[in-house]
Protein backbone atom coordinates (compact mmCIF):
# COMPACT_ATOMS: atom_id res chain seq x y z
CA MET A 1 185.08 49.97 23.30
CA THR A 2 182.34 52.40 23.59
CA MET A 3 182.69 55.64 21.25
CA GLN A 4 183.92 58.26 24.18
CA THR A 5 186.76 54.72 24.76
CA SER A 6 187.84 55.15 21.04
CA PHE A 7 187.68 59.57 20.50
CA ILE A 8 190.13 59.73 23.75
CA VAL A 9 192.35 56.83 22.41
CA LEU A 10 192.08 58.65 18.96
CA PHE A 11 192.78 62.28 20.54
CA TYR A 12 195.69 60.65 23.09
CA LEU A 13 197.16 59.18 19.62
CA LEU A 14 197.20 62.45 17.07
CA ALA A 15 198.18 64.64 20.26
CA THR A 16 201.35 62.37 20.43
CA GLY A 17 202.01 62.23 17.01
CA ALA A 18 201.86 66.02 17.00
CA LEU A 19 203.99 66.45 19.98
CA THR A 20 206.28 64.18 18.28
CA VAL A 21 206.50 66.26 15.29
CA ASN A 22 207.22 69.24 17.27
CA THR A 23 210.11 67.28 19.35
CA PHE A 24 211.79 65.33 16.05
CA ARG A 25 211.32 67.71 13.64
CA PRO A 26 210.98 70.91 14.66
CA ASN A 27 211.54 72.75 11.91
CA ILE A 28 208.07 70.84 10.57
CA SER A 29 205.45 73.73 11.82
CA PRO A 30 206.28 73.63 15.53
CA VAL A 31 203.24 76.46 16.61
CA LEU A 32 201.19 74.04 14.52
CA ALA A 33 201.82 70.92 15.76
CA ARG A 34 202.63 72.78 19.37
CA GLY A 35 198.37 73.58 18.59
CA MET A 36 196.96 70.72 18.35
CA MET A 37 199.20 68.92 20.22
CA LEU A 38 197.76 71.07 22.90
CA ILE A 39 194.30 71.07 21.64
CA CYS A 40 193.91 66.96 21.13
CA GLY A 41 195.46 66.75 24.85
CA ALA A 42 192.94 68.56 26.74
CA ILE A 43 189.98 67.09 24.60
CA ALA A 44 191.99 63.82 25.28
CA LEU A 45 192.04 64.78 28.92
CA HIS A 46 188.27 66.04 29.10
CA ILE A 47 186.73 62.78 28.18
CA HIS A 48 188.92 60.85 30.04
CA ALA A 49 187.55 62.80 32.81
CA ASN A 50 184.24 62.32 31.83
CA ILE A 51 184.29 58.36 32.06
CA LEU A 52 186.41 58.63 34.73
CA LEU A 53 183.73 59.95 37.07
CA ARG A 54 181.21 57.91 35.57
CA MET A 55 182.74 54.45 36.45
CA MET A 56 184.05 55.88 39.90
CA PHE A 57 180.54 57.30 41.27
CA THR A 58 177.70 54.74 40.84
CA ASP A 59 174.21 54.38 43.06
CA SER A 60 176.05 52.29 45.06
CA GLY A 61 178.77 54.38 46.13
CA LEU A 62 182.81 54.72 45.17
CA ASN A 63 183.82 52.74 42.97
CA LEU A 64 187.86 52.27 43.30
CA GLY A 65 188.96 49.04 41.74
CA LEU A 66 192.20 48.80 40.50
CA LEU A 67 191.85 49.58 36.78
CA VAL A 68 190.26 52.41 37.82
CA SER A 69 192.72 53.13 40.36
CA ILE A 70 195.32 52.54 37.28
CA SER A 71 193.20 55.60 35.13
CA LEU A 72 192.87 57.74 38.33
CA VAL A 73 196.79 57.77 38.39
CA SER A 74 197.14 58.00 34.64
CA TRP A 75 194.71 60.69 34.15
CA THR A 76 196.26 62.66 37.38
CA VAL A 77 199.84 62.65 36.22
CA THR A 78 199.13 63.54 32.25
CA LEU A 79 197.76 66.45 33.19
CA ILE A 80 200.14 67.49 36.13
CA VAL A 81 202.32 67.35 33.44
CA TYR A 82 200.20 69.04 30.28
CA LEU A 83 199.82 71.53 33.20
CA ALA A 84 203.13 71.96 33.78
CA SER A 85 204.16 71.87 30.02
CA PHE A 86 203.22 76.05 29.46
CA TYR A 87 206.13 76.88 31.98
CA GLN A 88 208.68 73.80 32.19
CA GLN A 89 209.95 72.00 29.85
CA THR A 90 208.07 68.81 30.21
CA GLN A 91 207.19 67.72 26.86
CA SER A 92 209.48 65.03 26.57
CA LEU A 93 207.40 63.45 29.00
CA MET A 94 204.25 63.67 27.09
CA ILE A 95 205.33 61.39 24.81
CA LEU A 96 205.05 58.34 27.05
CA LEU A 97 202.40 59.26 29.48
CA PHE A 98 199.33 59.77 26.18
CA PRO A 99 199.77 57.04 24.94
CA LEU A 100 199.96 55.60 28.49
CA SER A 101 197.18 56.64 29.51
CA ALA A 102 194.80 55.75 26.23
CA VAL A 103 196.17 51.67 27.44
CA CYS A 104 194.49 52.27 30.68
CA VAL A 105 191.67 54.03 29.62
CA ILE A 106 190.92 50.41 27.14
CA GLY A 107 191.97 48.56 30.09
CA SER A 108 189.48 49.91 32.72
CA GLN A 109 187.06 50.12 30.07
CA LEU A 110 188.00 46.03 28.95
CA LEU A 111 187.77 44.26 32.63
CA ASP A 112 184.54 45.32 34.72
CA GLU A 113 185.86 45.00 38.76
CA HIS A 114 184.61 47.00 41.14
CA ARG A 115 186.04 48.06 44.70
CA ILE A 116 183.07 49.65 46.22
CA LEU A 117 183.45 52.02 49.28
CA GLY A 118 180.26 53.13 50.29
CA GLU A 119 179.27 53.68 54.22
CA GLN A 120 182.87 53.62 55.44
CA LEU A 121 184.44 56.52 53.22
CA THR A 122 184.32 59.16 55.48
CA ASN A 123 185.74 62.70 55.43
CA GLY A 124 189.26 61.46 56.68
CA LEU A 125 188.98 58.61 54.45
CA LYS A 126 188.47 61.10 51.83
CA ILE A 127 190.81 63.13 52.20
CA HIS A 128 193.95 59.85 52.80
CA ILE A 129 192.57 58.80 49.24
CA VAL A 130 193.11 62.68 47.64
CA LEU A 131 197.02 62.80 49.31
CA SER A 132 197.64 59.46 48.19
CA ILE A 133 196.66 59.65 44.95
CA SER A 134 198.34 63.51 44.27
CA ALA A 135 201.61 61.87 46.40
CA TYR A 136 201.67 58.95 43.95
CA SER A 137 200.97 60.85 40.93
CA LEU A 138 204.00 62.75 41.20
CA LEU A 139 206.41 60.28 42.58
CA PHE A 140 205.57 58.64 39.18
CA ILE A 141 206.38 61.91 37.35
CA GLY A 142 209.49 62.03 39.65
CA THR A 143 210.56 58.62 37.94
CA LEU A 144 210.01 58.45 34.93
CA GLN A 145 211.39 62.28 34.99
CA ALA A 146 215.12 59.61 36.33
CA LEU A 147 214.67 57.61 33.53
CA LEU A 148 214.46 60.20 31.13
CA MET A 149 218.08 60.94 32.68
CA ARG A 150 219.66 57.81 32.85
CA TYR A 151 218.75 57.46 29.21
CA GLN A 152 220.16 61.49 28.38
CA GLU A 153 223.34 60.34 30.13
CA LYS A 154 223.64 57.22 28.27
CA LEU A 155 223.37 59.45 24.92
CA LEU A 156 225.35 62.10 26.17
CA LEU A 157 228.53 58.76 26.95
CA ALA A 158 226.90 57.33 23.45
CA LYS A 159 228.66 61.40 21.87
CA LYS A 160 224.80 61.81 20.58
CA ALA A 161 224.69 65.21 22.08
CA ILE A 162 222.61 66.88 19.17
CA LEU A 163 219.64 64.58 19.60
CA VAL A 164 219.92 65.06 23.38
CA MET A 165 219.57 68.90 22.64
CA ASN A 166 216.65 68.41 20.47
CA ILE A 167 215.07 65.49 22.68
CA LEU A 168 215.98 66.31 26.53
CA PRO A 169 216.43 70.17 28.26
CA PRO A 170 219.68 70.30 30.04
CA LEU A 171 220.75 67.74 32.98
CA GLN A 172 220.81 70.60 35.06
CA VAL A 173 217.00 71.13 34.56
CA MET A 174 215.79 68.28 34.39
CA GLU A 175 217.61 67.56 37.78
CA HIS A 176 215.70 70.55 39.44
CA LEU A 177 211.84 69.21 37.92
CA LEU A 178 213.20 65.48 39.20
CA LEU A 179 214.02 67.19 43.06
CA ARG A 180 210.95 69.25 42.66
CA PHE A 181 208.73 66.88 41.79
CA ILE A 182 210.27 64.45 44.22
CA ILE A 183 209.79 67.19 46.92
CA VAL A 184 206.12 68.01 47.02
CA GLY A 185 205.42 64.24 46.35
CA PHE A 186 207.17 63.39 49.38
CA PHE A 187 205.54 66.17 50.85
CA LEU A 188 201.90 64.68 50.35
CA LEU A 189 203.03 60.93 50.85
CA SER A 190 204.01 62.07 54.11
CA LEU A 191 199.97 63.74 54.76
CA SER A 192 198.89 60.11 53.67
CA LEU A 193 200.61 58.41 55.69
CA ALA A 194 199.90 60.09 58.61
CA THR A 195 196.11 60.42 57.49
CA GLY A 196 196.15 56.52 56.88
CA LEU A 197 197.59 55.81 60.07
CA MET A 198 194.64 57.26 61.98
CA PHE A 199 192.11 54.18 59.62
CA ILE A 200 193.83 51.73 60.99
CA ASN A 201 192.19 49.80 63.94
CA ASP A 202 193.42 46.31 63.68
CA MET A 203 195.53 45.52 61.10
CA PHE A 204 195.88 42.50 60.05
CA SER A 205 192.02 41.94 59.54
CA GLN A 206 192.37 44.86 56.97
CA HIS A 207 195.06 43.59 55.58
CA LEU A 208 196.77 46.34 55.61
CA VAL A 209 200.38 44.83 56.72
CA HIS A 210 201.86 44.89 53.84
CA LYS A 211 200.34 48.32 52.49
CA THR A 212 201.01 49.69 55.70
CA VAL A 213 204.98 48.62 55.33
CA LEU A 214 206.15 49.08 52.23
CA SER A 215 204.77 52.55 52.17
CA ILE A 216 206.79 53.38 55.12
CA LEU A 217 209.21 52.34 53.35
CA ALA A 218 209.28 53.95 50.46
CA TRP A 219 208.50 57.11 52.60
CA LEU A 220 211.95 56.59 54.11
CA ILE A 221 214.07 55.45 50.85
CA TYR A 222 212.31 59.13 49.30
CA GLY A 223 213.76 60.33 53.08
CA VAL A 224 217.04 59.12 53.22
CA LEU A 225 217.56 60.66 48.86
CA LEU A 226 216.59 64.32 50.12
CA CYS A 227 218.48 64.56 53.22
CA GLY A 228 221.84 62.96 50.77
CA HIS A 229 220.74 65.43 48.03
CA TRP A 230 220.84 68.29 50.40
CA PHE A 231 223.25 67.95 53.04
CA ALA A 232 225.76 65.08 50.86
CA GLY A 233 225.63 66.70 47.20
CA TRP A 234 224.04 63.63 46.33
CA ARG A 235 223.76 64.49 42.16
CA GLY A 236 223.05 62.49 38.83
CA LYS A 237 223.07 58.47 38.94
CA ARG A 238 222.67 58.28 42.96
CA ILE A 239 219.61 60.40 43.37
CA THR A 240 217.72 58.73 40.17
CA ARG A 241 218.70 54.82 41.78
CA TRP A 242 217.08 55.77 44.89
CA ALA A 243 214.42 57.51 43.23
CA VAL A 244 213.22 54.18 41.07
CA GLY A 245 213.39 52.28 43.84
CA GLY A 246 211.15 54.56 45.95
CA PHE A 247 208.78 54.30 43.36
CA ILE A 248 209.13 50.90 42.66
CA THR A 249 208.52 49.83 46.58
CA LEU A 250 205.52 51.77 46.41
CA LEU A 251 204.47 50.24 43.96
CA LEU A 252 204.39 46.71 45.50
CA ALA A 253 202.43 48.54 48.24
CA TYR A 254 199.55 50.18 46.94
CA LEU A 255 199.30 48.40 43.16
CA GLY A 256 200.85 45.19 44.44
CA THR A 257 198.05 44.76 47.76
CA LYS A 258 195.22 45.63 45.42
CA PHE A 259 195.74 43.28 43.14
CA VAL A 260 196.05 40.23 45.56
CA LEU A 261 192.92 41.66 47.66
CA GLU A 262 190.73 42.35 44.17
CA LEU A 263 192.26 39.42 42.21
CA VAL A 264 193.28 37.15 43.45
CA LEU A 265 191.88 36.57 47.26
CA ASP A 266 188.59 37.54 44.91
CA ARG A 267 188.89 34.59 42.82
CA VAL A 268 189.80 32.09 45.52
């Protein structure tokens, strides 16, 4: 593990510790704890970005290996939630995301795997990659939000309302944030699918059958979720179940395909 990686892990953990104190012990120097979280989080995200740039942009082309892609998505998700925390109540998400990003950085450093995209990386494909990563990131945040909502509901049913109020914002606010993430993520996923279909010449020879079918299925799941909310008044558990189901399908489409192609077939 390099010195930069060690610093990333250190600052991510310091940010997590400060955020935990600010969340569970709000009476203990809240301004100092939040300030430390913001500073340590910013430093960790900055160093994380530098490592990603060095790993992705090589002399041979763009490296989008499985673990590098996971690290990129974790950085994007953490950055979005970090920036959103300045005007939305998303601190509870960062308690999970900071340590997760640290683990993703370590994983991408420990295993030396490459998936180089050289001459085939056209401007259209670059747009598709950016849209895909943005869509996955926002829908992943929505999934975390959905899981937190389910956890919040269980605490309320267990009559632990004081604990809920200290840790999480009201359910109505949580649901509003969830839907905002899903709406924007669904829009970006639609654009990602539209641009991706432009690069399919032979679905079977390009090993894109499972990825394409599962991505479209995930798009349909999110579409049903939004239509159910807008036209049938879906709320609460029904929304969270569909959100989690949609992301699991999307995860199988992207990471499942990359895992098989890069870590299974390449070693057969």
